[in-house]
Amino acid sequence: MNRLLHPKDLAEILSVKPGTVYSWLSRGVPLPPYVKVAGCTRWREEVVRQWIEQKEKKQRRRNFVE
C-alpha cells in the first residue's frame, strides 16, 4: 500500500525542518500534490518520489543545456 506521509515525513525527505514545510504550505510554494485526510495534509509517498524525480530530470536538462 502507498504510505501517507505527515508534513514531518515530507520535511525529512526534503532535508528541511518541519516548520519550513508548514511555511511553504501557507505561502503556496509548489509542493508535491497532497490529499486532505480528516482535515490533515498528507502526501502519498510514491507521488513525492515521482515529484522529486521530475525535479531532478528538469535540473539535469537545465544543466545540460547551459
PDB file of N, CA and C in Angstrom:
ATOM      1  N   MET A   1       0.835  -1.192   0.000  1.00  0.00           N
ATOM      2  CA  MET A   1       0.000   0.000   0.000  1.00  0.00           C
ATOM      3  C   MET A   1       0.882   1.259   0.000  1.00  0.00           C
ATOM      4  N   ASN A   2       0.375   2.280  -0.605  1.00  0.00           N
ATOM      5  CA  ASN A   2       1.103   3.539  -0.709  1.00  0.00           C
ATOM      6  C   ASN A   2       0.966   4.315   0.600  1.00  0.00           C
ATOM      7  N   ARG A   3       2.051   4.477   1.291  1.00  0.00           N
ATOM      8  CA  ARG A   3       2.070   5.123   2.608  1.00  0.00           C
ATOM      9  C   ARG A   3       1.736   6.609   2.500  1.00  0.00           C
ATOM     10  N   LEU A   4       0.964   7.110   3.456  1.00  0.00           N
ATOM     11  CA  LEU A   4       0.675   8.539   3.543  1.00  0.00           C
ATOM     12  C   LEU A   4       1.686   9.188   4.478  1.00  0.00           C
ATOM     13  N   LEU A   5       2.267  10.281   4.009  1.00  0.00           N
ATOM     14  CA  LEU A   5       3.300  10.967   4.771  1.00  0.00           C
ATOM     15  C   LEU A   5       2.747  12.190   5.490  1.00  0.00           C
ATOM     16  N   HIS A   6       3.173  12.380   6.691  1.00  0.00           N
ATOM     17  CA  HIS A   6       2.883  13.543   7.518  1.00  0.00           C
ATOM     18  C   HIS A   6       3.845  14.658   7.072  1.00  0.00           C
ATOM     19  N   PRO A   7       3.514  15.931   7.303  1.00  0.00           N
ATOM     20  CA  PRO A   7       4.452  17.003   6.948  1.00  0.00           C
ATOM     21  C   PRO A   7       5.864  16.793   7.502  1.00  0.00           C
ATOM     22  N   LYS A   8       5.974  16.198   8.681  1.00  0.00           N
ATOM     23  CA  LYS A   8       7.301  15.931   9.253  1.00  0.00           C
ATOM     24  C   LYS A   8       8.059  14.913   8.414  1.00  0.00           C
ATOM     25  N   ASP A   9       7.337  13.923   7.871  1.00  0.00           N
ATOM     26  CA  ASP A   9       7.972  12.930   6.994  1.00  0.00           C
ATOM     27  C   ASP A   9       8.450  13.587   5.702  1.00  0.00           C
ATOM     28  N   LEU A  10       7.612  14.452   5.138  1.00  0.00           N
ATOM     29  CA  LEU A  10       7.999  15.158   3.917  1.00  0.00           C
ATOM     30  C   LEU A  10       9.233  16.025   4.172  1.00  0.00           C
ATOM     31  N   ALA A  11       9.250  16.697   5.307  1.00  0.00           N
ATOM     32  CA  ALA A  11      10.393  17.535   5.665  1.00  0.00           C
ATOM     33  C   ALA A  11      11.669  16.700   5.719  1.00  0.00           C
ATOM     34  N   GLU A  12      11.575  15.521   6.283  1.00  0.00           N
ATOM     35  CA  GLU A  12      12.746  14.649   6.374  1.00  0.00           C
ATOM     36  C   GLU A  12      13.230  14.249   4.979  1.00  0.00           C
ATOM     37  N   ILE A  13      12.313  13.894   4.102  1.00  0.00           N
ATOM     38  CA  ILE A  13      12.681  13.502   2.739  1.00  0.00           C
ATOM     39  C   ILE A  13      13.330  14.666   1.998  1.00  0.00           C
ATOM     40  N   LEU A  14      12.802  15.870   2.194  1.00  0.00           N
ATOM     41  CA  LEU A  14      13.321  17.049   1.500  1.00  0.00           C
ATOM     42  C   LEU A  14      14.507  17.690   2.214  1.00  0.00           C
ATOM     43  N   SER A  15      14.885  17.156   3.363  1.00  0.00           N
ATOM     44  CA  SER A  15      16.011  17.662   4.162  1.00  0.00           C
ATOM     45  C   SER A  15      15.801  19.112   4.596  1.00  0.00           C
ATOM     46  N   VAL A  16      14.596  19.390   5.068  1.00  0.00           N
ATOM     47  CA  VAL A  16      14.273  20.705   5.628  1.00  0.00           C
ATOM     48  C   VAL A  16      13.605  20.503   6.976  1.00  0.00           C
ATOM     49  N   LYS A  17      13.441  21.578   7.718  1.00  0.00           N
ATOM     50  CA  LYS A  17      12.760  21.498   9.005  1.00  0.00           C
ATOM     51  C   LYS A  17      11.250  21.414   8.772  1.00  0.00           C
ATOM     52  N   PRO A  18      10.515  20.737   9.661  1.00  0.00           N
ATOM     53  CA  PRO A  18       9.063  20.650   9.506  1.00  0.00           C
ATOM     54  C   PRO A  18       8.399  22.022   9.383  1.00  0.00           C
ATOM     55  N   GLY A  19       8.905  23.008  10.109  1.00  0.00           N
ATOM     56  CA  GLY A  19       8.345  24.355  10.034  1.00  0.00           C
ATOM     57  C   GLY A  19       8.430  24.933   8.627  1.00  0.00           C
ATOM     58  N   THR A  20       9.460  24.533   7.894  1.00  0.00           N
ATOM     59  CA  THR A  20       9.614  25.004   6.517  1.00  0.00           C
ATOM     60  C   THR A  20       8.490  24.465   5.643  1.00  0.00           C
ATOM     61  N   VAL A  21       8.135  23.198   5.816  1.00  0.00           N
ATOM     62  CA  VAL A  21       7.035  22.610   5.046  1.00  0.00           C
ATOM     63  C   VAL A  21       5.731  23.347   5.365  1.00  0.00           C
ATOM     64  N   TYR A  22       5.482  23.602   6.643  1.00  0.00           N
ATOM     65  CA  TYR A  22       4.257  24.326   7.019  1.00  0.00           C
ATOM     66  C   TYR A  22       4.257  25.732   6.426  1.00  0.00           C
ATOM     67  N   SER A  23       5.405  26.372   6.428  1.00  0.00           N
ATOM     68  CA  SER A  23       5.520  27.710   5.852  1.00  0.00           C
ATOM     69  C   SER A  23       5.247  27.674   4.348  1.00  0.00           C
ATOM     70  N   TRP A  24       5.854  26.702   3.665  1.00  0.00           N
ATOM     71  CA  TRP A  24       5.625  26.574   2.227  1.00  0.00           C
ATOM     72  C   TRP A  24       4.153  26.342   1.926  1.00  0.00           C
ATOM     73  N   LEU A  25       3.501  25.511   2.727  1.00  0.00           N
ATOM     74  CA  LEU A  25       2.072  25.249   2.527  1.00  0.00           C
ATOM     75  C   LEU A  25       1.255  26.530   2.649  1.00  0.00           C
ATOM     76  N   SER A  26       1.540  27.305   3.664  1.00  0.00           N
ATOM     77  CA  SER A  26       0.758  28.518   3.902  1.00  0.00           C
ATOM     78  C   SER A  26       1.026  29.596   2.855  1.00  0.00           C
ATOM     79  N   ARG A  27       2.241  29.588   2.274  1.00  0.00           N
ATOM     80  CA  ARG A  27       2.602  30.598   1.276  1.00  0.00           C
ATOM     81  C   ARG A  27       2.320  30.157  -0.155  1.00  0.00           C
ATOM     82  N   GLY A  28       1.930  28.906  -0.337  1.00  0.00           N
ATOM     83  CA  GLY A  28       1.618  28.419  -1.675  1.00  0.00           C
ATOM     84  C   GLY A  28       2.819  28.031  -2.504  1.00  0.00           C
ATOM     85  N   VAL A  29       3.919  27.720  -1.846  1.00  0.00           N
ATOM     86  CA  VAL A  29       5.114  27.269  -2.565  1.00  0.00           C
ATOM     87  C   VAL A  29       4.792  25.908  -3.201  1.00  0.00           C
ATOM     88  N   PRO A  30       5.191  25.703  -4.470  1.00  0.00           N
ATOM     89  CA  PRO A  30       4.892  24.426  -5.135  1.00  0.00           C
ATOM     90  C   PRO A  30       5.479  23.230  -4.380  1.00  0.00           C
ATOM     91  N   LEU A  31       4.608  22.336  -4.013  1.00  0.00           N
ATOM     92  CA  LEU A  31       4.976  21.094  -3.333  1.00  0.00           C
ATOM     93  C   LEU A  31       4.322  19.947  -4.089  1.00  0.00           C
ATOM     94  N   PRO A  32       4.702  18.717  -3.754  1.00  0.00           N
ATOM     95  CA  PRO A  32       4.030  17.588  -4.395  1.00  0.00           C
ATOM     96  C   PRO A  32       2.523  17.642  -4.117  1.00  0.00           C
ATOM     97  N   PRO A  33       1.716  17.103  -5.036  1.00  0.00           N
ATOM     98  CA  PRO A  33       0.274  17.053  -4.789  1.00  0.00           C
ATOM     99  C   PRO A  33      -0.022  16.319  -3.479  1.00  0.00           C
ATOM    100  N   TYR A  34      -0.986  16.834  -2.735  1.00  0.00           N
ATOM    101  CA  TYR A  34      -1.319  16.230  -1.451  1.00  0.00           C
ATOM    102  C   TYR A  34      -2.813  15.949  -1.364  1.00  0.00           C
ATOM    103  N   VAL A  35      -3.182  15.203  -0.327  1.00  0.00           N
ATOM    104  CA  VAL A  35      -4.588  14.909  -0.048  1.00  0.00           C
ATOM    105  C   VAL A  35      -4.890  15.394   1.359  1.00  0.00           C
ATOM    106  N   LYS A  36      -6.149  15.688   1.599  1.00  0.00           N
ATOM    107  CA  LYS A  36      -6.590  16.048   2.950  1.00  0.00           C
ATOM    108  C   LYS A  36      -7.317  14.846   3.532  1.00  0.00           C
ATOM    109  N   VAL A  37      -6.879  14.420   4.697  1.00  0.00           N
ATOM    110  CA  VAL A  37      -7.498  13.304   5.401  1.00  0.00           C
ATOM    111  C   VAL A  37      -7.949  13.829   6.751  1.00  0.00           C
ATOM    112  N   ALA A  38      -9.252  13.905   6.933  1.00  0.00           N
ATOM    113  CA  ALA A  38      -9.819  14.446   8.177  1.00  0.00           C
ATOM    114  C   ALA A  38      -9.239  15.826   8.481  1.00  0.00           C
ATOM    115  N   GLY A  39      -9.057  16.631   7.445  1.00  0.00           N
ATOM    116  CA  GLY A  39      -8.553  17.989   7.615  1.00  0.00           C
ATOM    117  C   GLY A  39      -7.043  18.104   7.725  1.00  0.00           C
ATOM    118  N   CYS A  40      -6.352  16.975   7.659  1.00  0.00           N
ATOM    119  CA  CYS A  40      -4.887  16.975   7.772  1.00  0.00           C
ATOM    120  C   CYS A  40      -4.251  16.774   6.400  1.00  0.00           C
ATOM    121  N   THR A  41      -3.194  17.497   6.131  1.00  0.00           N
ATOM    122  CA  THR A  41      -2.481  17.390   4.863  1.00  0.00           C
ATOM    123  C   THR A  41      -1.550  16.185   4.903  1.00  0.00           C
ATOM    124  N   ARG A  42      -1.682  15.340   3.879  1.00  0.00           N
ATOM    125  CA  ARG A  42      -0.842  14.151   3.776  1.00  0.00           C
ATOM    126  C   ARG A  42      -0.395  13.986   2.333  1.00  0.00           C
ATOM    127  N   TRP A  43       0.780  13.397   2.144  1.00  0.00           N
ATOM    128  CA  TRP A  43       1.326  13.139   0.825  1.00  0.00           C
ATOM    129  C   TRP A  43       1.472  11.649   0.630  1.00  0.00           C
ATOM    130  N   ARG A  44       1.128  11.177  -0.565  1.00  0.00           N
ATOM    131  CA  ARG A  44       1.379   9.772  -0.899  1.00  0.00           C
ATOM    132  C   ARG A  44       2.871   9.633  -1.205  1.00  0.00           C
ATOM    133  N   GLU A  45       3.492   8.670  -0.551  1.00  0.00           N
ATOM    134  CA  GLU A  45       4.937   8.501  -0.670  1.00  0.00           C
ATOM    135  C   GLU A  45       5.366   8.364  -2.130  1.00  0.00           C
ATOM    136  N   GLU A  46       4.652   7.567  -2.912  1.00  0.00           N
ATOM    137  CA  GLU A  46       5.016   7.357  -4.311  1.00  0.00           C
ATOM    138  C   GLU A  46       4.915   8.658  -5.112  1.00  0.00           C
ATOM    139  N   VAL A  47       3.913   9.473  -4.834  1.00  0.00           N
ATOM    140  CA  VAL A  47       3.753  10.755  -5.529  1.00  0.00           C
ATOM    141  C   VAL A  47       4.920  11.679  -5.217  1.00  0.00           C
ATOM    142  N   VAL A  48       5.356  11.684  -3.971  1.00  0.00           N
ATOM    143  CA  VAL A  48       6.500  12.514  -3.567  1.00  0.00           C
ATOM    144  C   VAL A  48       7.759  12.060  -4.302  1.00  0.00           C
ATOM    145  N   ARG A  49       7.977  10.765  -4.365  1.00  0.00           N
ATOM    146  CA  ARG A  49       9.167  10.239  -5.054  1.00  0.00           C
ATOM    147  C   ARG A  49       9.140  10.616  -6.538  1.00  0.00           C
ATOM    148  N   GLN A  50       7.969  10.508  -7.171  1.00  0.00           N
ATOM    149  CA  GLN A  50       7.837  10.880  -8.584  1.00  0.00           C
ATOM    150  C   GLN A  50       8.082  12.372  -8.779  1.00  0.00           C
ATOM    151  N   TRP A  51       7.569  13.178  -7.876  1.00  0.00           N
ATOM    152  CA  TRP A  51       7.743  14.631  -7.946  1.00  0.00           C
ATOM    153  C   TRP A  51       9.234  14.988  -7.868  1.00  0.00           C
ATOM    154  N   ILE A  52       9.945  14.332  -6.971  1.00  0.00           N
ATOM    155  CA  ILE A  52      11.382  14.567  -6.825  1.00  0.00           C
ATOM    156  C   ILE A  52      12.113  14.147  -8.102  1.00  0.00           C
ATOM    157  N   GLU A  53      11.744  12.999  -8.655  1.00  0.00           N
ATOM    158  CA  GLU A  53      12.373  12.531  -9.893  1.00  0.00           C
ATOM    159  C   GLU A  53      12.154  13.528 -11.031  1.00  0.00           C
ATOM    160  N   GLN A  54      10.955  14.074 -11.143  1.00  0.00           N
ATOM    161  CA  GLN A  54      10.668  15.072 -12.184  1.00  0.00           C
ATOM    162  C   GLN A  54      11.543  16.306 -11.996  1.00  0.00           C
ATOM    163  N   LYS A  55      11.685  16.752 -10.747  1.00  0.00           N
ATOM    164  CA  LYS A  55      12.544  17.906 -10.449  1.00  0.00           C
ATOM    165  C   LYS A  55      13.995  17.619 -10.855  1.00  0.00           C
ATOM    166  N   GLU A  56      14.455  16.409 -10.554  1.00  0.00           N
ATOM    167  CA  GLU A  56      15.824  16.033 -10.897  1.00  0.00           C
ATOM    168  C   GLU A  56      16.021  16.014 -12.411  1.00  0.00           C
ATOM    169  N   LYS A  57      15.042  15.490 -13.159  1.00  0.00           N
ATOM    170  CA  LYS A  57      15.136  15.452 -14.622  1.00  0.00           C
ATOM    171  C   LYS A  57      15.199  16.863 -15.200  1.00  0.00           C
ATOM    172  N   LYS A  58      14.364  17.752 -14.674  1.00  0.00           N
ATOM    173  CA  LYS A  58      14.385  19.142 -15.136  1.00  0.00           C
ATOM    174  C   LYS A  58      15.743  19.767 -14.874  1.00  0.00           C
ATOM    175  N   GLN A  59      16.306  19.518 -13.699  1.00  0.00           N
ATOM    176  CA  GLN A  59      17.602  20.085 -13.336  1.00  0.00           C
ATOM    177  C   GLN A  59      18.692  19.552 -14.252  1.00  0.00           C
ATOM    178  N   ARG A  60      18.655  18.248 -14.539  1.00  0.00           N
ATOM    179  CA  ARG A  60      19.664  17.652 -15.434  1.00  0.00           C
ATOM    180  C   ARG A  60      19.566  18.260 -16.828  1.00  0.00           C
ATOM    181  N   ARG A  61      18.349  18.445 -17.330  1.00  0.00           N
ATOM    182  CA  ARG A  61      18.169  19.053 -18.653  1.00  0.00           C
ATOM    183  C   ARG A  61      18.693  20.481 -18.646  1.00  0.00           C
ATOM    184  N   ARG A  62      18.376  21.232 -17.591  1.00  0.00           N
ATOM    185  CA  ARG A  62      18.824  22.610 -17.473  1.00  0.00           C
ATOM    186  C   ARG A  62      20.359  22.677 -17.451  1.00  0.00           C
ATOM    187  N   ASN A  63      20.977  21.785 -16.710  1.00  0.00           N
ATOM    188  CA  ASN A  63      22.441  21.764 -16.624  1.00  0.00           C
ATOM    189  C   ASN A  63      23.066  21.351 -17.956  1.00  0.00           C
ATOM    190  N   PHE A  64      22.401  20.469 -18.682  1.00  0.00           N
ATOM    191  CA  PHE A  64      22.913  20.004 -19.964  1.00  0.00           C
ATOM    192  C   PHE A  64      22.864  21.116 -21.008  1.00  0.00           C
ATOM    193  N   VAL A  65      21.808  21.929 -20.986  1.00  0.00           N
ATOM    194  CA  VAL A  65      21.625  22.996 -21.966  1.00  0.00           C
ATOM    195  C   VAL A  65      22.611  24.126 -21.720  1.00  0.00           C
ATOM    196  N   GLU A  66      22.909  24.419 -20.473  1.00  0.00           N
ATOM    197  CA  GLU A  66      23.780  25.562 -20.152  1.00  0.00           C
ATOM    198  C   GLU A  66      25.214  25.332 -20.541  1.00  0.00           C
TER     199      GLU A  66
END
